[in-house]
Amino acid sequence: MQALFINTGEDLDGVLAFVDAADLSSPVLFDTDSDVYKSYDLQGLGGYAPFPLQIVIDREGTITYMAKQYDAVALRAALDAAVAE
């Protein structure tokens, strides 16, 4: 399993400061033209995707979990289910 962070709308220095402060070890990708961000408007969220948007994608590339608000228990359950497959 791999976790990726996708940033949109912030400059490199701000993102690097966040990565350092949060001690992240996962890759941080830049969505410089917001194409990835805008693509989730089609997922029934009503408007553009919220920040932060949590998405779990299984090994077949299917979105199995998507949440507008952070819910640690639900996100952990979705991640555990994705790993168990």
Protein backbone atom coordinates (compact mmCIF):
# COMPACT_ATOMS: atom_id res chain seq x y z
CA MET A 1 0.00 0.00 0.00
CA GLN A 2 1.20 3.49 -0.72
CA ALA A 3 -0.12 6.81 0.53
CA LEU A 4 0.25 9.82 -1.71
CA PHE A 5 -0.42 13.43 -0.90
CA ILE A 6 -1.51 15.67 -3.75
CA ASN A 7 -1.10 19.40 -3.32
CA THR A 8 -2.83 22.09 -5.29
CA GLY A 9 -2.62 25.85 -4.90
CA GLU A 10 0.39 26.15 -2.63
CA ASP A 11 3.94 27.04 -3.44
CA LEU A 12 6.86 24.68 -3.04
CA ASP A 13 8.27 26.40 0.05
CA GLY A 14 4.94 26.17 1.88
CA VAL A 15 4.54 22.51 1.03
CA LEU A 16 8.10 21.67 2.05
CA ALA A 17 7.54 23.42 5.39
CA PHE A 18 4.36 21.37 5.94
CA VAL A 19 6.09 18.11 4.99
CA ASP A 20 8.91 18.88 7.40
CA ALA A 21 6.59 19.92 10.25
CA ALA A 22 4.33 16.88 9.76
CA ASP A 23 7.33 14.55 9.34
CA LEU A 24 5.76 13.00 6.24
CA SER A 25 7.52 10.13 4.56
CA SER A 26 5.00 9.61 1.74
CA PRO A 27 5.45 11.32 -1.62
CA VAL A 28 3.85 14.72 -2.13
CA LEU A 29 2.72 15.31 -5.70
CA PHE A 30 1.95 18.71 -7.19
CA ASP A 31 -1.27 19.27 -9.11
CA THR A 32 -0.06 22.59 -10.49
CA ASP A 33 -2.97 23.16 -12.86
CA SER A 34 -5.60 21.57 -10.52
CA ASP A 35 -6.61 18.91 -13.05
CA VAL A 36 -6.65 16.12 -10.47
CA TYR A 37 -8.52 18.28 -7.98
CA LYS A 38 -11.16 19.26 -10.53
CA SER A 39 -11.64 15.67 -11.68
CA TYR A 40 -13.27 14.77 -8.35
CA ASP A 41 -16.13 17.16 -9.07
CA LEU A 42 -17.55 14.25 -11.06
CA GLN A 43 -17.71 12.01 -7.99
CA GLY A 44 -20.95 13.48 -6.63
CA LEU A 45 -19.36 15.74 -4.06
CA GLY A 46 -21.28 18.81 -5.16
CA GLY A 47 -18.75 21.37 -6.30
CA TYR A 48 -15.06 20.90 -6.22
CA ALA A 49 -13.40 18.47 -3.85
CA PRO A 50 -12.90 19.72 -0.30
CA PHE A 51 -9.55 20.07 1.42
CA PRO A 52 -8.38 17.66 2.59
CA LEU A 53 -10.16 15.00 0.57
CA GLN A 54 -9.41 11.43 1.57
CA ILE A 55 -9.61 8.77 -1.12
CA VAL A 56 -8.77 5.08 -0.95
CA ILE A 57 -8.23 3.32 -4.26
CA ASP A 58 -7.99 -0.47 -4.33
CA ARG A 59 -5.51 -2.52 -6.32
CA GLU A 60 -7.85 -2.62 -9.30
CA GLY A 61 -8.03 1.18 -9.39
CA THR A 62 -11.57 1.43 -7.97
CA ILE A 63 -12.36 4.18 -5.47
CA THR A 64 -13.52 2.31 -2.37
CA TYR A 65 -13.67 5.25 0.03
CA MET A 66 -14.04 8.99 -0.36
CA ALA A 67 -14.75 11.47 2.41
CA LYS A 68 -15.15 15.22 2.58
CA GLN A 69 -14.26 15.38 6.26
CA TYR A 70 -11.55 13.55 8.16
CA ASP A 71 -12.86 10.53 10.07
CA ALA A 72 -9.90 8.58 11.45
CA VAL A 73 -11.92 5.44 12.24
CA ALA A 74 -13.61 5.25 8.83
CA LEU A 75 -10.40 6.05 6.97
CA ARG A 76 -8.45 3.41 8.92
CA ALA A 77 -11.18 0.81 8.19
CA ALA A 78 -11.04 1.64 4.48
CA LEU A 79 -7.25 1.40 4.44
CA ASP A 80 -7.31 -1.90 6.33
CA ALA A 81 -9.87 -3.30 3.87
CA ALA A 82 -7.76 -2.20 0.90
CA VAL A 83 -4.65 -3.85 2.32
CA ALA A 84 -6.53 -7.08 3.12
CA GLU A 85 -7.65 -7.55 -0.49
